[in-house]
C-alpha atoms as a PDB file:
ATOM      1  CA  UNK A   1      -0.041   0.151   0.002  1.00  0.00           C
ATOM      2  CA  UNK A   2       1.719   3.546  -0.885  1.00  0.00           C
ATOM      3  CA  UNK A   3       1.764   6.126   1.846  1.00  0.00           C
ATOM      4  CA  UNK A   4      -0.702   8.822   1.934  1.00  0.00           C
ATOM      5  CA  UNK A   5       1.245  12.022   0.929  1.00  0.00           C
ATOM      6  CA  UNK A   6      -0.063  13.852   3.657  1.00  0.00           C
ATOM      7  CA  UNK A   7       1.181  11.555   6.115  1.00  0.00           C
ATOM      8  CA  UNK A   8       4.791  11.263   4.388  1.00  0.00           C
ATOM      9  CA  UNK A   9       5.024  15.176   4.195  1.00  0.00           C
ATOM     10  CA  UNK A  10       3.872  15.563   8.005  1.00  0.00           C
ATOM     11  CA  UNK A  11       6.721  12.815   9.252  1.00  0.00           C
ATOM     12  CA  UNK A  12       9.276  15.092   6.939  1.00  0.00           C
ATOM     13  CA  UNK A  13       8.366  17.872   9.000  1.00  0.00           C
ATOM     14  CA  UNK A  14       8.136  16.135  12.174  1.00  0.00           C
ATOM     15  CA  UNK A  15      11.465  14.852  11.956  1.00  0.00           C
ATOM     16  CA  UNK A  16      12.994  18.265  10.745  1.00  0.00           C
ATOM     17  CA  UNK A  17      11.403  20.107  13.948  1.00  0.00           C
ATOM     18  CA  UNK A  18      12.712  17.308  16.109  1.00  0.00           C
ATOM     19  CA  UNK A  19      16.264  17.191  14.868  1.00  0.00           C
ATOM     20  CA  UNK A  20      18.652  19.203  17.345  1.00  0.00           C
ATOM     21  CA  UNK A  21      20.242  22.609  16.272  1.00  0.00           C
ATOM     22  CA  UNK A  22      23.693  22.565  15.488  1.00  0.00           C
ATOM     23  CA  UNK A  23      25.459  24.186  18.384  1.00  0.00           C
ATOM     24  CA  UNK A  24      27.228  27.701  17.821  1.00  0.00           C
ATOM     25  CA  UNK A  25      31.467  27.299  17.907  1.00  0.00           C
ATOM     26  CA  UNK A  26      32.397  28.908  21.035  1.00  0.00           C
ATOM     27  CA  UNK A  27      34.697  31.895  20.222  1.00  0.00           C
ATOM     28  CA  UNK A  28      38.186  32.134  21.484  1.00  0.00           C
ATOM     29  CA  UNK A  29      39.708  34.593  23.752  1.00  0.00           C
ATOM     30  CA  UNK A  30      41.493  35.888  20.926  1.00  0.00           C
ATOM     31  CA  UNK A  31      38.174  36.390  18.594  1.00  0.00           C
ATOM     32  CA  UNK A  32      36.232  37.936  21.557  1.00  0.00           C
ATOM     33  CA  UNK A  33      38.717  40.631  22.323  1.00  0.00           C
ATOM     34  CA  UNK A  34      38.925  41.317  18.461  1.00  0.00           C
ATOM     35  CA  UNK A  35      35.077  41.759  18.091  1.00  0.00           C
ATOM     36  CA  UNK A  36      35.216  43.931  21.153  1.00  0.00           C
ATOM     37  CA  UNK A  37      38.356  46.063  19.575  1.00  0.00           C
ATOM     38  CA  UNK A  38      36.020  46.340  16.515  1.00  0.00           C
ATOM     39  CA  UNK A  39      32.973  47.776  18.684  1.00  0.00           C
ATOM     40  CA  UNK A  40      34.980  50.489  20.475  1.00  0.00           C
ATOM     41  CA  UNK A  41      36.029  51.527  16.622  1.00  0.00           C
ATOM     42  CA  UNK A  42      32.329  51.937  15.828  1.00  0.00           C
ATOM     43  CA  UNK A  43      31.768  53.870  19.165  1.00  0.00           C
ATOM     44  CA  UNK A  44      34.703  56.205  18.754  1.00  0.00           C
ATOM     45  CA  UNK A  45      33.702  56.984  14.963  1.00  0.00           C
ATOM     46  CA  UNK A  46      30.390  58.145  16.301  1.00  0.00           C
ATOM     47  CA  UNK A  47      32.197  61.066  17.839  1.00  0.00           C
ATOM     48  CA  UNK A  48      30.054  63.243  19.609  1.00  0.00           C
ATOM     49  CA  UNK A  49      27.210  60.908  19.495  1.00  0.00           C
ATOM     50  CA  UNK A  50      28.845  57.712  21.046  1.00  0.00           C
ATOM     51  CA  UNK A  51      26.522  57.025  23.765  1.00  0.00           C
ATOM     52  CA  UNK A  52      23.659  57.366  21.127  1.00  0.00           C
ATOM     53  CA  UNK A  53      25.351  55.061  19.212  1.00  0.00           C
ATOM     54  CA  UNK A  54      25.488  52.359  22.196  1.00  0.00           C
ATOM     55  CA  UNK A  55      21.829  52.720  22.807  1.00  0.00           C
ATOM     56  CA  UNK A  56      20.931  52.838  19.019  1.00  0.00           C
ATOM     57  CA  UNK A  57      22.768  49.350  18.682  1.00  0.00           C
ATOM     58  CA  UNK A  58      21.428  47.219  21.292  1.00  0.00           C
ATOM     59  CA  UNK A  59      21.995  43.634  19.967  1.00  0.00           C
ATOM     60  CA  UNK A  60      25.865  44.977  19.218  1.00  0.00           C
ATOM     61  CA  UNK A  61      26.444  47.024  22.770  1.00  0.00           C
ATOM     62  CA  UNK A  62      25.026  43.871  24.531  1.00  0.00           C
ATOM     63  CA  UNK A  63      27.169  41.414  22.672  1.00  0.00           C
ATOM     64  CA  UNK A  64      30.270  43.899  23.234  1.00  0.00           C
ATOM     65  CA  UNK A  65      29.375  43.439  26.961  1.00  0.00           C
ATOM     66  CA  UNK A  66      29.307  39.870  27.123  1.00  0.00           C
ATOM     67  CA  UNK A  67      32.740  39.524  24.970  1.00  0.00           C
ATOM     68  CA  UNK A  68      34.243  42.365  27.717  1.00  0.00           C
ATOM     69  CA  UNK A  69      33.220  40.217  30.582  1.00  0.00           C
ATOM     70  CA  UNK A  70      34.661  36.966  29.456  1.00  0.00           C
ATOM     71  CA  UNK A  71      37.877  38.473  28.447  1.00  0.00           C
ATOM     72  CA  UNK A  72      41.001  37.010  30.226  1.00  0.00           C
ATOM     73  CA  UNK A  73      41.733  39.359  33.613  1.00  0.00           C
ATOM     74  CA  UNK A  74      45.183  40.433  34.770  1.00  0.00           C
ATOM     75  CA  UNK A  75      46.272  41.274  38.352  1.00  0.00           C
ATOM     76  CA  UNK A  76      48.445  44.387  38.816  1.00  0.00           C
ATOM     77  CA  UNK A  77      49.900  43.989  42.157  1.00  0.00           C
ATOM     78  CA  UNK A  78      51.413  47.506  42.858  1.00  0.00           C
ATOM     79  CA  UNK A  79      53.484  48.956  45.565  1.00  0.00           C
ATOM     80  CA  UNK A  80      53.327  52.443  47.289  1.00  0.00           C
ATOM     81  CA  UNK A  81      56.526  53.800  45.111  1.00  0.00           C
ATOM     82  CA  UNK A  82      56.429  56.603  42.678  1.00  0.00           C
ATOM     83  CA  UNK A  83      55.981  53.817  39.994  1.00  0.00           C
ATOM     84  CA  UNK A  84      53.438  51.835  41.627  1.00  0.00           C
ATOM     85  CA  UNK A  85      51.288  54.685  42.441  1.00  0.00           C
ATOM     86  CA  UNK A  86      51.619  56.198  38.888  1.00  0.00           C
ATOM     87  CA  UNK A  87      50.519  52.804  37.301  1.00  0.00           C
ATOM     88  CA  UNK A  88      47.824  52.379  39.991  1.00  0.00           C
ATOM     89  CA  UNK A  89      46.234  55.836  38.943  1.00  0.00           C
ATOM     90  CA  UNK A  90      46.551  55.052  35.281  1.00  0.00           C
ATOM     91  CA  UNK A  91      44.894  52.333  35.654  1.00  0.00           C
ATOM     92  CA  UNK A  92      41.567  53.907  37.653  1.00  0.00           C
ATOM     93  CA  UNK A  93      41.482  56.323  34.795  1.00  0.00           C
ATOM     94  CA  UNK A  94      39.203  58.692  37.083  1.00  0.00           C
ATOM     95  CA  UNK A  95      36.480  55.724  37.530  1.00  0.00           C
ATOM     96  CA  UNK A  96      32.744  57.134  38.250  1.00  0.00           C
ATOM     97  CA  UNK A  97      30.978  56.678  41.201  1.00  0.00           C
ATOM     98  CA  UNK A  98      29.487  53.518  39.871  1.00  0.00           C
ATOM     99  CA  UNK A  99      32.147  52.188  37.787  1.00  0.00           C
ATOM    100  CA  UNK A 100      31.248  49.706  34.609  1.00  0.00           C
ATOM    101  CA  UNK A 101      32.906  46.821  33.658  1.00  0.00           C
ATOM    102  CA  UNK A 102      34.697  48.801  30.912  1.00  0.00           C
ATOM    103  CA  UNK A 103      35.929  50.924  33.480  1.00  0.00           C
ATOM    104  CA  UNK A 104      38.105  47.354  34.285  1.00  0.00           C
ATOM    105  CA  UNK A 105      39.800  47.340  30.954  1.00  0.00           C
ATOM    106  CA  UNK A 106      42.891  48.286  29.803  1.00  0.00           C
ATOM    107  CA  UNK A 107      45.187  48.071  26.520  1.00  0.00           C
ATOM    108  CA  UNK A 108      48.201  46.071  27.453  1.00  0.00           C
ATOM    109  CA  UNK A 109      51.169  44.646  25.707  1.00  0.00           C
ATOM    110  CA  UNK A 110      52.387  41.107  27.053  1.00  0.00           C
ATOM    111  CA  UNK A 111      55.912  41.326  26.514  1.00  0.00           C
ATOM    112  CA  UNK A 112      57.701  37.900  25.694  1.00  0.00           C
ATOM    113  CA  UNK A 113      60.687  36.644  28.059  1.00  0.00           C
ATOM    114  CA  UNK A 114      63.434  37.694  25.916  1.00  0.00           C
ATOM    115  CA  UNK A 115      64.116  41.282  24.001  1.00  0.00           C
ATOM    116  CA  UNK A 116      64.585  39.285  20.827  1.00  0.00           C
ATOM    117  CA  UNK A 117      61.464  37.820  20.614  1.00  0.00           C
ATOM    118  CA  UNK A 118      59.342  41.068  20.776  1.00  0.00           C
ATOM    119  CA  UNK A 119      60.288  42.133  17.191  1.00  0.00           C
ATOM    120  CA  UNK A 120      60.454  38.816  15.775  1.00  0.00           C
ATOM    121  CA  UNK A 121      57.744  37.076  13.474  1.00  0.00           C
ATOM    122  CA  UNK A 122      55.091  38.072  10.940  1.00  0.00           C
ATOM    123  CA  UNK A 123      52.895  40.200  12.778  1.00  0.00           C
ATOM    124  CA  UNK A 124      56.023  42.843  13.520  1.00  0.00           C
ATOM    125  CA  UNK A 125      57.065  43.078   9.874  1.00  0.00           C
ATOM    126  CA  UNK A 126      55.753  46.488   9.545  1.00  0.00           C
ATOM    127  CA  UNK A 127      57.499  47.404  13.324  1.00  0.00           C
ATOM    128  CA  UNK A 128      61.024  45.842  11.441  1.00  0.00           C
ATOM    129  CA  UNK A 129      60.562  47.997   8.206  1.00  0.00           C
ATOM    130  CA  UNK A 130      59.950  51.321  10.102  1.00  0.00           C
ATOM    131  CA  UNK A 131      62.836  50.575  12.429  1.00  0.00           C
ATOM    132  CA  UNK A 132      65.037  50.031   9.638  1.00  0.00           C
ATOM    133  CA  UNK A 133      63.751  53.173   7.729  1.00  0.00           C
ATOM    134  CA  UNK A 134      64.370  55.259  10.970  1.00  0.00           C
ATOM    135  CA  UNK A 135      67.811  54.009  11.268  1.00  0.00           C
ATOM    136  CA  UNK A 136      68.745  54.666   7.290  1.00  0.00           C
ATOM    137  CA  UNK A 137      67.794  58.357   7.930  1.00  0.00           C
ATOM    138  CA  UNK A 138      69.982  58.697  10.669  1.00  0.00           C
ATOM    139  CA  UNK A 139      67.655  58.368  14.119  1.00  0.00           C
ATOM    140  CA  UNK A 140      69.089  57.520  17.209  1.00  0.00           C
ATOM    141  CA  UNK A 141      68.178  56.891  20.692  1.00  0.00           C
ATOM    142  CA  UNK A 142      69.459  57.702  24.264  1.00  0.00           C
ATOM    143  CA  UNK A 143      68.657  56.542  27.747  1.00  0.00           C
ATOM    144  CA  UNK A 144      68.262  59.903  29.498  1.00  0.00           C
ATOM    145  CA  UNK A 145      69.858  60.402  32.680  1.00  0.00           C
ATOM    146  CA  UNK A 146      68.839  62.901  35.413  1.00  0.00           C
ATOM    147  CA  UNK A 147      70.355  66.294  34.462  1.00  0.00           C
ATOM    148  CA  UNK A 148      70.207  69.351  32.295  1.00  0.00           C
ATOM    149  CA  UNK A 149      68.762  66.964  29.428  1.00  0.00           C
ATOM    150  CA  UNK A 150      66.232  65.787  31.038  1.00  0.00           C
ATOM    151  CA  UNK A 151      65.117  69.472  31.922  1.00  0.00           C
ATOM    152  CA  UNK A 152      65.451  70.579  28.371  1.00  0.00           C
ATOM    153  CA  UNK A 153      63.226  67.531  27.037  1.00  0.00           C
ATOM    154  CA  UNK A 154      60.591  68.435  29.822  1.00  0.00           C
ATOM    155  CA  UNK A 155      60.315  71.883  28.708  1.00  0.00           C
ATOM    156  CA  UNK A 156      60.325  70.769  24.719  1.00  0.00           C
ATOM    157  CA  UNK A 157      57.725  68.387  25.353  1.00  0.00           C
ATOM    158  CA  UNK A 158      55.799  70.855  27.418  1.00  0.00           C
ATOM    159  CA  UNK A 159      55.543  73.127  24.562  1.00  0.00           C
ATOM    160  CA  UNK A 160      54.468  70.403  22.101  1.00  0.00           C
ATOM    161  CA  UNK A 161      51.557  69.259  24.356  1.00  0.00           C
ATOM    162  CA  UNK A 162      50.583  72.878  24.848  1.00  0.00           C
ATOM    163  CA  UNK A 163      50.644  73.453  20.861  1.00  0.00           C
ATOM    164  CA  UNK A 164      50.182  70.429  19.336  1.00  0.00           C
ATOM    165  CA  UNK A 165      47.685  70.878  16.128  1.00  0.00           C
ATOM    166  CA  UNK A 166      45.561  67.978  17.230  1.00  0.00           C
ATOM    167  CA  UNK A 167      42.781  68.631  19.511  1.00  0.00           C
ATOM    168  CA  UNK A 168      43.078  65.269  21.222  1.00  0.00           C
ATOM    169  CA  UNK A 169      47.146  65.603  21.874  1.00  0.00           C
ATOM    170  CA  UNK A 170      46.805  69.325  23.158  1.00  0.00           C
ATOM    171  CA  UNK A 171      47.248  69.706  27.086  1.00  0.00           C
ATOM    172  CA  UNK A 172      47.362  73.355  28.600  1.00  0.00           C
ATOM    173  CA  UNK A 173      47.921  72.369  32.020  1.00  0.00           C
ATOM    174  CA  UNK A 174      50.414  69.412  32.054  1.00  0.00           C
ATOM    175  CA  UNK A 175      53.941  69.640  33.527  1.00  0.00           C
ATOM    176  CA  UNK A 176      56.010  67.117  32.283  1.00  0.00           C
ATOM    177  CA  UNK A 177      58.811  67.806  35.215  1.00  0.00           C
ATOM    178  CA  UNK A 178      56.569  66.135  37.566  1.00  0.00           C
ATOM    179  CA  UNK A 179      57.508  62.686  35.920  1.00  0.00           C
ATOM    180  CA  UNK A 180      61.077  63.218  36.767  1.00  0.00           C
ATOM    181  CA  UNK A 181      60.564  60.872  39.486  1.00  0.00           C
ATOM    182  CA  UNK A 182      60.384  57.871  37.105  1.00  0.00           C
ATOM    183  CA  UNK A 183      63.741  56.714  36.372  1.00  0.00           C
ATOM    184  CA  UNK A 184      63.208  55.234  32.546  1.00  0.00           C
ATOM    185  CA  UNK A 185      63.574  58.239  30.423  1.00  0.00           C
ATOM    186  CA  UNK A 186      64.231  57.644  26.484  1.00  0.00           C
ATOM    187  CA  UNK A 187      64.300  59.871  23.703  1.00  0.00           C
ATOM    188  CA  UNK A 188      65.062  59.549  19.901  1.00  0.00           C
ATOM    189  CA  UNK A 189      67.241  62.372  18.052  1.00  0.00           C
ATOM    190  CA  UNK A 190      67.510  63.265  14.404  1.00  0.00           C
ATOM    191  CA  UNK A 191      70.736  62.778  12.199  1.00  0.00           C
ATOM    192  CA  UNK A 192      71.446  66.534  13.101  1.00  0.00           C
ATOM    193  CA  UNK A 193      70.903  65.831  16.803  1.00  0.00           C
ATOM    194  CA  UNK A 194      67.302  67.483  17.305  1.00  0.00           C
ATOM    195  CA  UNK A 195      65.013  65.712  19.571  1.00  0.00           C
ATOM    196  CA  UNK A 196      62.112  63.952  17.766  1.00  0.00           C
ATOM    197  CA  UNK A 197      60.490  62.057  20.601  1.00  0.00           C
ATOM    198  CA  UNK A 198      60.204  61.393  24.552  1.00  0.00           C
ATOM    199  CA  UNK A 199      59.086  58.482  26.402  1.00  0.00           C
ATOM    200  CA  UNK A 200      59.009  58.634  29.872  1.00  0.00           C
ATOM    201  CA  UNK A 201      57.712  55.076  31.642  1.00  0.00           C
ATOM    202  CA  UNK A 202      56.466  54.431  35.483  1.00  0.00           C
ATOM    203  CA  UNK A 203      57.564  50.933  36.401  1.00  0.00           C
ATOM    204  CA  UNK A 204      56.803  48.693  39.337  1.00  0.00           C
ATOM    205  CA  UNK A 205      57.786  45.065  39.483  1.00  0.00           C
ATOM    206  CA  UNK A 206      56.023  43.431  36.299  1.00  0.00           C
ATOM    207  CA  UNK A 207      53.980  46.532  35.526  1.00  0.00           C
ATOM    208  CA  UNK A 208      54.793  49.651  33.383  1.00  0.00           C
ATOM    209  CA  UNK A 209      52.515  52.246  32.392  1.00  0.00           C
ATOM    210  CA  UNK A 210      52.575  54.147  29.183  1.00  0.00           C
ATOM    211  CA  UNK A 211      52.651  57.510  30.967  1.00  0.00           C
ATOM    212  CA  UNK A 212      54.206  59.552  28.056  1.00  0.00           C
ATOM    213  CA  UNK A 213      55.364  58.588  24.692  1.00  0.00           C
ATOM    214  CA  UNK A 214      54.916  61.762  22.037  1.00  0.00           C
ATOM    215  CA  UNK A 215      56.722  63.071  19.354  1.00  0.00           C
ATOM    216  CA  UNK A 216      58.132  66.482  19.369  1.00  0.00           C
ATOM    217  CA  UNK A 217      57.261  67.281  15.649  1.00  0.00           C
ATOM    218  CA  UNK A 218      55.232  66.208  12.669  1.00  0.00           C
ATOM    219  CA  UNK A 219      58.112  64.783  10.557  1.00  0.00           C
ATOM    220  CA  UNK A 220      58.620  61.436   8.722  1.00  0.00           C
ATOM    221  CA  UNK A 221      61.759  60.958  10.985  1.00  0.00           C
ATOM    222  CA  UNK A 222      59.627  61.575  14.017  1.00  0.00           C
ATOM    223  CA  UNK A 223      57.080  58.997  12.275  1.00  0.00           C
ATOM    224  CA  UNK A 224      59.288  56.481  11.981  1.00  0.00           C
ATOM    225  CA  UNK A 225      61.141  57.112  15.527  1.00  0.00           C
ATOM    226  CA  UNK A 226      57.560  56.001  16.973  1.00  0.00           C
ATOM    227  CA  UNK A 227      58.576  52.637  15.992  1.00  0.00           C
ATOM    228  CA  UNK A 228      62.087  52.434  16.647  1.00  0.00           C
ATOM    229  CA  UNK A 229      61.371  53.818  20.170  1.00  0.00           C
ATOM    230  CA  UNK A 230      58.245  51.328  20.638  1.00  0.00           C
ATOM    231  CA  UNK A 231      61.109  48.416  19.869  1.00  0.00           C
ATOM    232  CA  UNK A 232      63.608  50.146  22.298  1.00  0.00           C
ATOM    233  CA  UNK A 233      61.116  50.829  25.088  1.00  0.00           C
ATOM    234  CA  UNK A 234      59.881  46.900  24.967  1.00  0.00           C
ATOM    235  CA  UNK A 235      63.728  45.811  25.163  1.00  0.00           C
ATOM    236  CA  UNK A 236      64.422  47.778  28.209  1.00  0.00           C
ATOM    237  CA  UNK A 237      61.210  46.844  29.907  1.00  0.00           C
ATOM    238  CA  UNK A 238      62.023  43.201  29.385  1.00  0.00           C
ATOM    239  CA  UNK A 239      65.597  43.629  30.736  1.00  0.00           C
ATOM    240  CA  UNK A 240      63.938  45.281  33.777  1.00  0.00           C
ATOM    241  CA  UNK A 241      61.764  42.264  34.122  1.00  0.00           C
ATOM    242  CA  UNK A 242      58.340  43.891  33.527  1.00  0.00           C
ATOM    243  CA  UNK A 243      55.802  41.550  31.722  1.00  0.00           C
ATOM    244  CA  UNK A 244      52.834  43.901  31.377  1.00  0.00           C
ATOM    245  CA  UNK A 245      53.091  47.696  29.430  1.00  0.00           C
ATOM    246  CA  UNK A 246      49.651  49.063  30.075  1.00  0.00           C
ATOM    247  CA  UNK A 247      48.189  52.373  28.165  1.00  0.00           C
ATOM    248  CA  UNK A 248      47.031  55.024  30.643  1.00  0.00           C
ATOM    249  CA  UNK A 249      44.076  55.303  28.324  1.00  0.00           C
ATOM    250  CA  UNK A 250      40.584  53.765  28.130  1.00  0.00           C
ATOM    251  CA  UNK A 251      40.447  51.328  25.055  1.00  0.00           C
ATOM    252  CA  UNK A 252      36.983  53.002  24.507  1.00  0.00           C
ATOM    253  CA  UNK A 253      38.515  56.313  24.429  1.00  0.00           C
ATOM    254  CA  UNK A 254      41.577  56.182  22.224  1.00  0.00           C
ATOM    255  CA  UNK A 255      41.444  57.426  18.721  1.00  0.00           C
ATOM    256  CA  UNK A 256      40.866  54.725  15.928  1.00  0.00           C
ATOM    257  CA  UNK A 257      44.578  55.609  14.169  1.00  0.00           C
ATOM    258  CA  UNK A 258      46.247  55.105  17.777  1.00  0.00           C
ATOM    259  CA  UNK A 259      44.414  51.606  18.326  1.00  0.00           C
ATOM    260  CA  UNK A 260      45.230  50.322  14.866  1.00  0.00           C
ATOM    261  CA  UNK A 261      48.855  51.336  15.504  1.00  0.00           C
ATOM    262  CA  UNK A 262      48.928  49.596  18.958  1.00  0.00           C
ATOM    263  CA  UNK A 263      47.449  46.580  17.426  1.00  0.00           C
ATOM    264  CA  UNK A 264      49.848  46.440  15.027  1.00  0.00           C
ATOM    265  CA  UNK A 265      52.559  46.562  18.059  1.00  0.00           C
ATOM    266  CA  UNK A 266      50.915  43.761  20.190  1.00  0.00           C
ATOM    267  CA  UNK A 267      48.394  45.628  22.356  1.00  0.00           C
ATOM    268  CA  UNK A 268      45.402  43.896  23.493  1.00  0.00           C
ATOM    269  CA  UNK A 269      42.380  44.565  25.585  1.00  0.00           C
ATOM    270  CA  UNK A 270      42.203  43.115  28.854  1.00  0.00           C
ATOM    271  CA  UNK A 271      40.106  43.109  32.205  1.00  0.00           C
ATOM    272  CA  UNK A 272      42.700  44.168  35.107  1.00  0.00           C
ATOM    273  CA  UNK A 273      42.075  43.996  38.651  1.00  0.00           C
ATOM    274  CA  UNK A 274      44.209  46.353  41.017  1.00  0.00           C
ATOM    275  CA  UNK A 275      45.800  44.886  43.941  1.00  0.00           C
ATOM    276  CA  UNK A 276      48.418  46.356  46.636  1.00  0.00           C
ATOM    277  CA  UNK A 277      51.677  44.634  47.097  1.00  0.00           C
ATOM    278  CA  UNK A 278      53.229  44.332  50.655  1.00  0.00           C
END
């Protein structure tokens, strides 16, 4: 006896309904971090309408929050030294009365065990190329000890901050002489000896803070010096036993040009918990 076509269709439909749905692949920590970074990119692109962007994209905002909460968490154990206090404050970033999970995130460069490892691998091809370009142009660098040269660089960096052509980098009230308490000062110089970049980095144990890392002029020499000095800074920190270099700006607050630059250098978003050491 042939089957009733209606019954056959119904049976087929029943099997389809009962068939279990394929499980959604679990995202890796790297994939979650990249999606969160993409969300922050759109958030920053919204400009003055940033909070509106979050409200107008509720599903994407919810997913971003979910990714954020599942990021790896690092514990920053910090002392009450000048470096420890600077890193503590930099990670706090003026938290509001009711801090959100976003306020516990930071862009972190996890440093390898040896200086040579930092600039190796395919991901650092641009870094190596830019470093070679800087060296071909005669860009050099020096660790700056306390004294007249530090004073001169502090004044030059103050002037640069007051007159910077880009609003987001202009600072009328800062005084980099207050950063004299931190021992790690590095500077890049052009072939003619003019200062191109100043780097000031508080350190405390396994942590360091990207407190000040600015070019002093807008030129190709200064642009290439940024890459060279990133490598030099990483090598100095590794030699000091530092494992984590944190940016003192929120990942959702930095410009997207800087975000792209940092990610190329290896910075990634982490949740960070601060804890006093000793």
